[in-house]
Amino acid sequence: MTITVAVDAMGGDVGLKVTVPASVQFLSDTPDVNLVLVGDQAAIEAELMVLPASVRARITVRHASEVVGMDESPQLALKNKKDSSMRVSINLVKESLAQAAVSAGNTGALMATAKFVLKTIPGIDRPAIAKMMPGIKGNTCVLDLGANIDCSPEQLLQFGIMGSELVASLEHRTNPSVGLLNIGSEDIKGTESIKRAAELLRESGLNFYGNVEGNDIFKSTVDVVVCDGFTGNVALKASEGLAHMISTFLREEFARTWWTKLCALAAMPVLKLFKARVDPRRYNGASFLGLRGIVVKSHGGTDALGFRIALEQACEEVRANVIGHIADRVAVQLQNIKQSESEAKDSA
C-alpha cells in the first residue's frame, strides 16, 4: 500500500528550510510513501528544482495562501485562516487524499483545527497529545502533554486506552502496562478525580499497574503514563530543561582546564554515543490521539532530522492502523459500560 502524507511545509520556526530537505531525505529512503507539500507553491517549487526526477515524481505541491503564526491565537487561526497550509493539510486527511498530516506549526492552532475538521472517534471526548519519551529500559508513552488542562476520570481512562493501543501498535508490546501519574504510588494519594480514574482504569481490562510518579517515566516502570495536560506538559518541559542543563554542565566542566579537555578527548566516543541516545530529535513527533485521522506534531524548532522522524512516525501509525485499533477498543469499552449499567439497573 502506498501511503500519502500531507506536510504543512510552512509550519515551524524555520518552515521550508527544514520541511523540504526533511521530506526529500525521507522519500529517498522510503519507497512506499508519497508526500503532498502544502504552502506557498512558488516558494516550494523553488526548493524542489534540483531534485532527481524519481524523487520529484512522488511529491505533489498544494498551494495554500496563508500561514498560521507560531504565536497566533488558535481561535483566530481557526476562524480567519481557512486557506492556511495547516488547515489545507488537515483537510486533505479528511477528504481521504492523504492518510496523515504532519506539521511543526502552532500546537494550539493545530489541535483546534484538527479537532474541528476531523472530529473525534466515537466514545472519545477529547483528543490527547501523546509522545514517546526515553527511559532506561525503553520508550515510555506519556499522554496528555498539553491539550487538556482539566480532565475527568472518564477522560483519563480514554487516554489510557489510546496510549495502550499506540504502544501496542508502534512498539509491538503485547498488553502494555499503564500507570496513572500521581504524587505517590499509594492508592490513598491524589485528588478525588485521580482516585476515581484509578478505579476506572483498574476495572477497564487494561493492564493497569497503578499509580506512578514522575521518575517512573524514565525508569520505564510502565509502558504508558496517563495524566492531565497541565501535569504532562510540566513534566515534559522539566525533562527537556534538565537534559539541556546536563549537556551544558558537561561542556563547561570538560572545557575548564587543559586536563579536562584532554579527558573530554578521551571520552569523546562515549559522549557521542550518549548524545545520540538522548538526542531529542530522535524522539520528535507527538501524536494527536483520538481524532478520526492521523495528525503528528513536530517540534517547531527541530531540524531536518527531527522533522524526518515525525514523518516516519506518521507513516508507522498509518501502517499499524492505530486509529482502527483505538476505535475498536473504545467500542468494546463502551459496550462493557452499557452492560454494567444494565446489570446494575436489573439488580436494583
Protein backbone atom coordinates (compact mmCIF):
# COMPACT_ATOMS: atom_id res chain seq x y z
CA MET A 1 0.00 0.00 0.00
CA THR A 2 1.31 3.42 -0.94
CA ILE A 3 0.90 5.97 1.86
CA THR A 4 0.30 9.65 1.20
CA VAL A 5 1.25 12.18 3.87
CA ALA A 6 0.24 15.84 3.81
CA VAL A 7 3.05 18.09 5.02
CA ASP A 8 2.49 21.60 6.35
CA ALA A 9 5.58 22.89 4.56
CA MET A 10 5.30 26.41 6.02
CA GLY A 11 4.92 25.48 9.70
CA GLY A 12 7.60 25.76 12.38
CA ASP A 13 10.25 28.26 13.33
CA VAL A 14 12.09 27.85 10.02
CA GLY A 15 9.50 26.44 7.62
CA LEU A 16 10.63 25.45 4.14
CA LYS A 17 14.33 25.33 5.01
CA VAL A 18 13.58 22.38 7.31
CA THR A 19 10.42 20.75 5.98
CA VAL A 20 11.54 20.40 2.35
CA PRO A 21 15.01 18.90 3.00
CA ALA A 22 13.48 16.56 5.58
CA SER A 23 10.81 15.48 3.10
CA VAL A 24 13.38 14.82 0.38
CA GLN A 25 15.60 12.76 2.73
CA PHE A 26 12.58 10.83 3.93
CA LEU A 27 11.40 9.96 0.42
CA SER A 28 14.87 8.82 -0.63
CA ASP A 29 14.75 6.04 1.97
CA THR A 30 11.00 5.30 1.96
CA PRO A 31 9.82 3.99 -1.41
CA ASP A 32 6.19 3.31 -0.42
CA VAL A 33 5.29 6.90 0.53
CA ASN A 34 4.20 9.96 -1.44
CA LEU A 35 4.10 13.46 0.01
CA VAL A 36 1.87 16.46 -0.58
CA LEU A 37 3.74 19.63 0.37
CA VAL A 38 1.25 22.33 1.31
CA GLY A 39 2.08 26.03 1.28
CA ASP A 40 3.35 28.80 -1.00
CA GLN A 41 3.58 26.92 -4.30
CA ALA A 42 6.20 29.17 -5.91
CA ALA A 43 8.47 29.03 -2.87
CA ILE A 44 8.12 25.24 -2.55
CA GLU A 45 8.77 24.67 -6.25
CA ALA A 46 11.92 26.77 -5.99
CA GLU A 47 13.19 24.49 -3.22
CA LEU A 48 12.43 21.39 -5.32
CA MET A 49 14.13 22.46 -8.55
CA VAL A 50 17.30 20.42 -8.11
CA LEU A 51 15.65 17.14 -7.13
CA PRO A 52 16.16 13.90 -9.05
CA ALA A 53 13.16 13.05 -11.21
CA SER A 54 12.50 9.82 -9.30
CA VAL A 55 12.01 11.72 -6.03
CA ARG A 56 10.22 14.71 -7.54
CA ALA A 57 7.62 12.41 -9.10
CA ARG A 58 6.48 11.38 -5.60
CA ILE A 59 5.92 14.95 -4.44
CA THR A 60 2.77 16.93 -5.12
CA VAL A 61 2.57 20.62 -4.26
CA ARG A 62 -0.72 22.02 -2.99
CA HIS A 63 -0.95 25.79 -2.82
CA ALA A 64 -2.14 27.48 0.37
CA SER A 65 -2.24 31.25 0.54
CA GLU A 66 -1.96 31.67 4.32
CA VAL A 67 0.34 30.66 7.17
CA VAL A 68 -0.54 30.33 10.86
CA GLY A 69 1.96 32.18 13.02
CA MET A 70 3.68 30.36 15.87
CA ASP A 71 2.23 32.78 18.44
CA GLU A 72 -1.16 33.22 16.78
CA SER A 73 -4.39 32.65 18.70
CA PRO A 74 -5.79 29.17 17.92
CA GLN A 75 -9.31 30.58 17.83
CA LEU A 76 -8.39 33.32 15.35
CA ALA A 77 -6.36 30.93 13.22
CA LEU A 78 -9.31 28.54 13.04
CA LYS A 79 -11.77 31.31 12.22
CA ASN A 80 -9.77 33.54 9.89
CA LYS A 81 -7.22 31.34 8.12
CA LYS A 82 -9.19 28.70 6.29
CA ASP A 83 -6.61 28.54 3.49
CA SER A 84 -3.59 28.15 5.76
CA SER A 85 -1.05 25.44 5.00
CA MET A 86 -2.02 23.84 8.30
CA ARG A 87 -5.75 23.79 7.56
CA VAL A 88 -5.33 22.57 3.99
CA SER A 89 -3.07 19.73 5.15
CA ILE A 90 -5.69 18.52 7.61
CA ASN A 91 -8.44 18.92 5.01
CA LEU A 92 -6.53 16.50 2.78
CA VAL A 93 -6.77 13.88 5.52
CA LYS A 94 -10.49 14.50 5.93
CA GLU A 95 -11.01 14.16 2.18
CA SER A 96 -9.01 10.87 2.17
CA LEU A 97 -6.44 12.41 -0.19
CA ALA A 98 -3.82 11.75 2.48
CA GLN A 99 -3.67 9.21 5.30
CA ALA A 100 -1.81 11.51 7.72
CA ALA A 101 -0.78 15.12 8.24
CA VAL A 102 2.45 16.40 9.79
CA SER A 103 3.08 19.95 10.97
CA ALA A 104 5.69 21.79 13.02
CA GLY A 105 3.34 24.75 13.40
CA ASN A 106 1.50 26.34 16.31
CA THR A 107 0.44 23.48 18.62
CA GLY A 108 -2.75 25.11 19.87
CA ALA A 109 -3.88 26.06 16.39
CA LEU A 110 -3.04 22.61 15.04
CA MET A 111 -5.05 20.88 17.76
CA ALA A 112 -8.02 23.24 17.40
CA THR A 113 -8.04 22.87 13.61
CA ALA A 114 -7.58 19.10 13.66
CA LYS A 115 -10.38 18.63 16.19
CA PHE A 116 -12.74 20.90 14.24
CA VAL A 117 -12.03 19.35 10.84
CA LEU A 118 -11.56 15.67 11.69
CA LYS A 119 -13.74 15.31 14.82
CA THR A 120 -13.09 12.67 17.46
CA ILE A 121 -13.55 8.91 17.40
CA PRO A 122 -16.95 7.86 18.86
CA GLY A 123 -16.52 7.41 22.59
CA ILE A 124 -13.56 9.82 22.85
CA ASP A 125 -14.42 13.15 24.48
CA ARG A 126 -11.18 14.97 23.74
CA PRO A 127 -8.04 14.22 21.74
CA ALA A 128 -4.79 13.98 23.67
CA ILE A 129 -1.17 14.72 22.81
CA ALA A 130 0.97 11.60 23.20
CA LYS A 131 4.73 11.32 22.93
CA MET A 132 7.34 8.61 23.39
CA MET A 133 9.93 9.58 25.99
CA PRO A 134 13.22 7.72 26.52
CA GLY A 135 13.67 5.50 29.55
CA ILE A 136 16.25 3.13 31.00
CA LYS A 137 14.61 0.04 29.53
CA GLY A 138 12.86 1.55 26.51
CA ASN A 139 10.41 4.24 25.46
CA THR A 140 7.51 5.31 27.63
CA CYS A 141 4.38 6.82 26.08
CA VAL A 142 3.10 9.82 28.05
CA LEU A 143 -0.27 11.50 27.50
CA ASP A 144 -1.74 14.08 27.71
CA LEU A 145 1.08 16.58 27.20
CA GLY A 146 -0.88 19.79 27.00
CA ALA A 147 -4.12 19.54 25.06
CA ASN A 148 -6.43 19.24 28.07
CA ILE A 149 -5.69 21.21 31.24
CA ASP A 150 -8.55 19.69 33.26
CA CYS A 151 -9.58 16.08 32.73
CA SER A 152 -12.38 13.99 34.15
CA PRO A 153 -11.73 10.43 35.37
CA GLU A 154 -13.52 9.12 32.30
CA GLN A 155 -11.23 11.12 30.01
CA LEU A 156 -8.13 9.80 31.79
CA LEU A 157 -9.47 6.30 31.16
CA GLN A 158 -9.82 7.16 27.48
CA PHE A 159 -6.21 8.37 27.45
CA GLY A 160 -5.15 5.05 28.94
CA ILE A 161 -6.94 3.15 26.19
CA MET A 162 -5.45 5.32 23.43
CA GLY A 163 -1.93 5.17 24.84
CA SER A 164 -2.12 1.41 25.26
CA GLU A 165 -3.19 0.90 21.66
CA LEU A 166 -0.49 3.27 20.37
CA VAL A 167 2.26 1.40 22.22
CA ALA A 168 0.89 -2.00 21.22
CA SER A 169 0.83 -0.92 17.56
CA LEU A 170 4.11 1.01 17.28
CA GLU A 171 6.31 -0.64 19.90
CA HIS A 172 4.88 -4.15 19.33
CA ARG A 173 4.32 -4.74 23.03
CA THR A 174 1.61 -7.20 24.00
CA ASN A 175 -0.78 -5.91 26.65
CA PRO A 176 1.20 -2.74 27.54
CA SER A 177 1.25 -1.70 31.19
CA VAL A 178 -0.49 1.56 32.09
CA GLY A 179 0.31 3.81 35.03
CA LEU A 180 -1.54 6.86 36.39
CA LEU A 181 0.76 9.80 37.19
CA ASN A 182 0.29 10.82 40.81
CA ILE A 183 2.15 12.38 43.75
CA GLY A 184 2.73 8.92 45.25
CA SER A 185 2.26 5.26 44.48
CA GLU A 186 -0.21 4.64 47.32
CA ASP A 187 -3.90 4.34 46.47
CA ILE A 188 -4.81 6.99 49.06
CA LYS A 189 -2.71 9.66 47.31
CA GLY A 190 -4.03 12.25 44.87
CA THR A 191 -7.23 14.16 44.24
CA GLU A 192 -10.66 12.57 44.23
CA SER A 193 -10.63 12.75 40.43
CA ILE A 194 -7.34 10.84 40.28
CA LYS A 195 -8.61 8.22 42.73
CA ARG A 196 -11.74 7.72 40.63
CA ALA A 197 -9.64 7.50 37.45
CA ALA A 198 -7.58 4.75 39.11
CA GLU A 199 -10.77 2.81 39.86
CA LEU A 200 -11.93 3.10 36.24
CA LEU A 201 -8.54 2.05 34.89
CA ARG A 202 -8.44 -0.91 37.27
CA GLU A 203 -11.88 -2.06 36.07
CA SER A 204 -11.22 -1.38 32.37
CA GLY A 205 -9.44 -4.57 31.35
CA LEU A 206 -6.25 -2.64 30.63
CA ASN A 207 -3.00 -3.87 32.15
CA PHE A 208 -3.20 -1.24 34.89
CA TYR A 209 -0.09 -1.08 37.07
CA GLY A 210 -1.40 1.56 39.48
CA ASN A 211 -0.11 4.98 40.46
CA VAL A 212 3.33 6.05 39.27
CA GLU A 213 5.48 9.09 39.99
CA GLY A 214 7.41 11.39 37.67
CA ASN A 215 10.67 9.46 37.98
CA ASP A 216 8.90 6.30 36.81
CA ILE A 217 8.68 7.79 33.31
CA PHE A 218 12.44 7.49 32.89
CA LYS A 219 12.77 4.29 34.92
CA SER A 220 10.49 2.57 32.36
CA THR A 221 8.29 1.32 35.17
CA VAL A 222 5.30 1.16 32.81
CA ASP A 223 4.76 1.39 29.07
CA VAL A 224 2.13 4.15 29.25
CA VAL A 225 1.82 7.03 31.70
CA VAL A 226 -1.56 8.79 31.87
CA CYS A 227 -2.04 12.32 33.19
CA ASP A 228 -3.90 15.56 32.54
CA GLY A 229 -2.41 18.03 30.08
CA PHE A 230 -1.25 20.51 32.72
CA THR A 231 0.77 17.91 34.63
CA GLY A 232 2.06 16.24 31.49
CA ASN A 233 3.29 19.46 29.92
CA VAL A 234 5.10 20.46 33.11
CA ALA A 235 6.77 17.04 33.24
CA LEU A 236 7.80 17.30 29.58
CA LYS A 237 9.24 20.80 29.83
CA ALA A 238 11.02 19.97 33.09
CA SER A 239 12.67 16.95 31.48
CA GLU A 240 13.72 19.00 28.45
CA GLY A 241 15.21 21.63 30.74
CA LEU A 242 17.06 19.01 32.77
CA ALA A 243 18.54 17.45 29.63
CA HIS A 244 19.73 20.87 28.45
CA MET A 245 21.25 21.63 31.86
CA ILE A 246 23.17 18.33 31.96
CA SER A 247 24.63 18.86 28.48
CA THR A 248 25.61 22.44 29.39
CA PHE A 249 27.29 21.36 32.63
CA LEU A 250 29.23 18.62 30.82
CA ARG A 251 30.55 21.07 28.22
CA GLU A 252 31.54 23.57 30.90
CA GLU A 253 33.35 21.00 33.05
CA PHE A 254 35.22 19.41 30.15
CA ALA A 255 36.34 22.87 28.98
CA ARG A 256 37.56 24.01 32.42
CA THR A 257 41.28 23.14 32.17
CA TRP A 258 43.74 21.57 29.77
CA TRP A 259 43.45 18.33 31.74
CA THR A 260 39.65 18.20 31.49
CA LYS A 261 39.91 18.98 27.78
CA LEU A 262 42.23 16.01 27.39
CA CYS A 263 39.75 13.87 29.33
CA ALA A 264 36.99 15.07 27.01
CA LEU A 265 39.03 13.97 24.01
CA ALA A 266 39.49 10.51 25.51
CA ALA A 267 35.81 10.30 26.43
CA MET A 268 34.60 11.56 23.04
CA PRO A 269 33.39 8.16 21.72
CA VAL A 270 31.28 7.58 24.84
CA LEU A 271 29.98 11.15 24.82
CA LYS A 272 28.89 10.79 21.19
CA LEU A 273 27.03 7.58 21.98
CA PHE A 274 25.39 9.23 24.98
CA LYS A 275 24.37 12.25 22.90
CA ALA A 276 22.83 10.04 20.23
CA ARG A 277 20.94 8.05 22.84
CA VAL A 278 19.25 11.11 24.36
CA ASP A 279 19.08 13.26 21.21
CA PRO A 280 15.63 14.94 21.39
CA ARG A 281 15.40 15.00 17.60
CA ARG A 282 15.15 11.20 17.61
CA TYR A 283 12.07 11.42 19.84
CA ASN A 284 10.44 14.19 17.82
CA GLY A 285 6.82 13.82 16.86
CA ALA A 286 3.80 13.91 19.12
CA SER A 287 0.60 12.10 18.13
CA PHE A 288 -2.81 13.75 18.38
CA LEU A 289 -4.71 10.67 19.52
CA GLY A 290 -8.48 10.34 19.48
CA LEU A 291 -9.10 12.03 16.14
CA ARG A 292 -10.63 10.38 13.07
CA GLY A 293 -7.38 10.96 11.23
CA ILE A 294 -3.67 10.81 11.94
CA VAL A 295 -2.02 14.10 12.85
CA VAL A 296 1.58 14.29 14.10
CA LYS A 297 3.03 17.44 15.63
CA SER A 298 6.72 18.10 15.13
CA HIS A 299 8.62 20.40 17.47
CA GLY A 300 8.66 23.86 15.94
CA GLY A 301 12.38 24.35 16.41
CA THR A 302 13.59 20.98 15.15
CA ASP A 303 15.92 20.47 12.20
CA ALA A 304 15.58 18.24 9.14
CA LEU A 305 16.44 15.07 11.08
CA GLY A 306 13.79 15.77 13.71
CA PHE A 307 11.11 16.55 11.13
CA ARG A 308 12.01 13.39 9.25
CA ILE A 309 11.43 11.38 12.44
CA ALA A 310 7.95 12.95 12.70
CA LEU A 311 7.21 11.87 9.11
CA GLU A 312 8.34 8.34 9.92
CA GLN A 313 6.07 8.23 12.95
CA ALA A 314 3.05 9.33 10.92
CA CYS A 315 3.67 6.55 8.41
CA GLU A 316 4.12 3.97 11.16
CA GLU A 317 0.75 4.95 12.62
CA VAL A 318 -0.86 4.51 9.21
CA ARG A 319 0.75 1.11 8.65
CA ALA A 320 -0.24 -0.07 12.14
CA ASN A 321 -3.84 1.16 11.75
CA VAL A 322 -3.64 2.92 15.11
CA ILE A 323 -6.97 4.71 14.63
CA GLY A 324 -8.78 1.46 13.88
CA HIS A 325 -7.34 -0.24 16.95
CA ILE A 326 -8.30 2.68 19.19
CA ALA A 327 -11.82 2.80 17.76
CA ASP A 328 -12.28 -0.95 18.29
CA ARG A 329 -11.00 -0.83 21.89
CA VAL A 330 -13.17 2.17 22.76
CA ALA A 331 -16.24 0.49 21.25
CA VAL A 332 -15.64 -2.58 23.44
CA GLN A 333 -15.21 -0.35 26.48
CA LEU A 334 -18.47 1.48 25.76
CA GLN A 335 -20.28 -1.84 25.36
CA ASN A 336 -18.90 -3.05 28.68
CA ILE A 337 -20.06 0.15 30.40
CA LYS A 338 -23.56 -0.22 28.96
CA GLN A 339 -23.69 -3.85 30.05
CA SER A 340 -22.57 -2.95 33.58
CA GLU A 341 -25.17 -0.19 33.80
CA SER A 342 -27.87 -2.58 32.56
CA GLU A 343 -26.89 -5.25 35.09
CA ALA A 344 -26.87 -2.67 37.90
CA LYS A 345 -30.31 -1.49 36.85
CA ASP A 346 -31.71 -5.05 36.74
CA SER A 347 -30.29 -5.89 40.16
CA ALA A 348 -31.83 -2.74 41.62
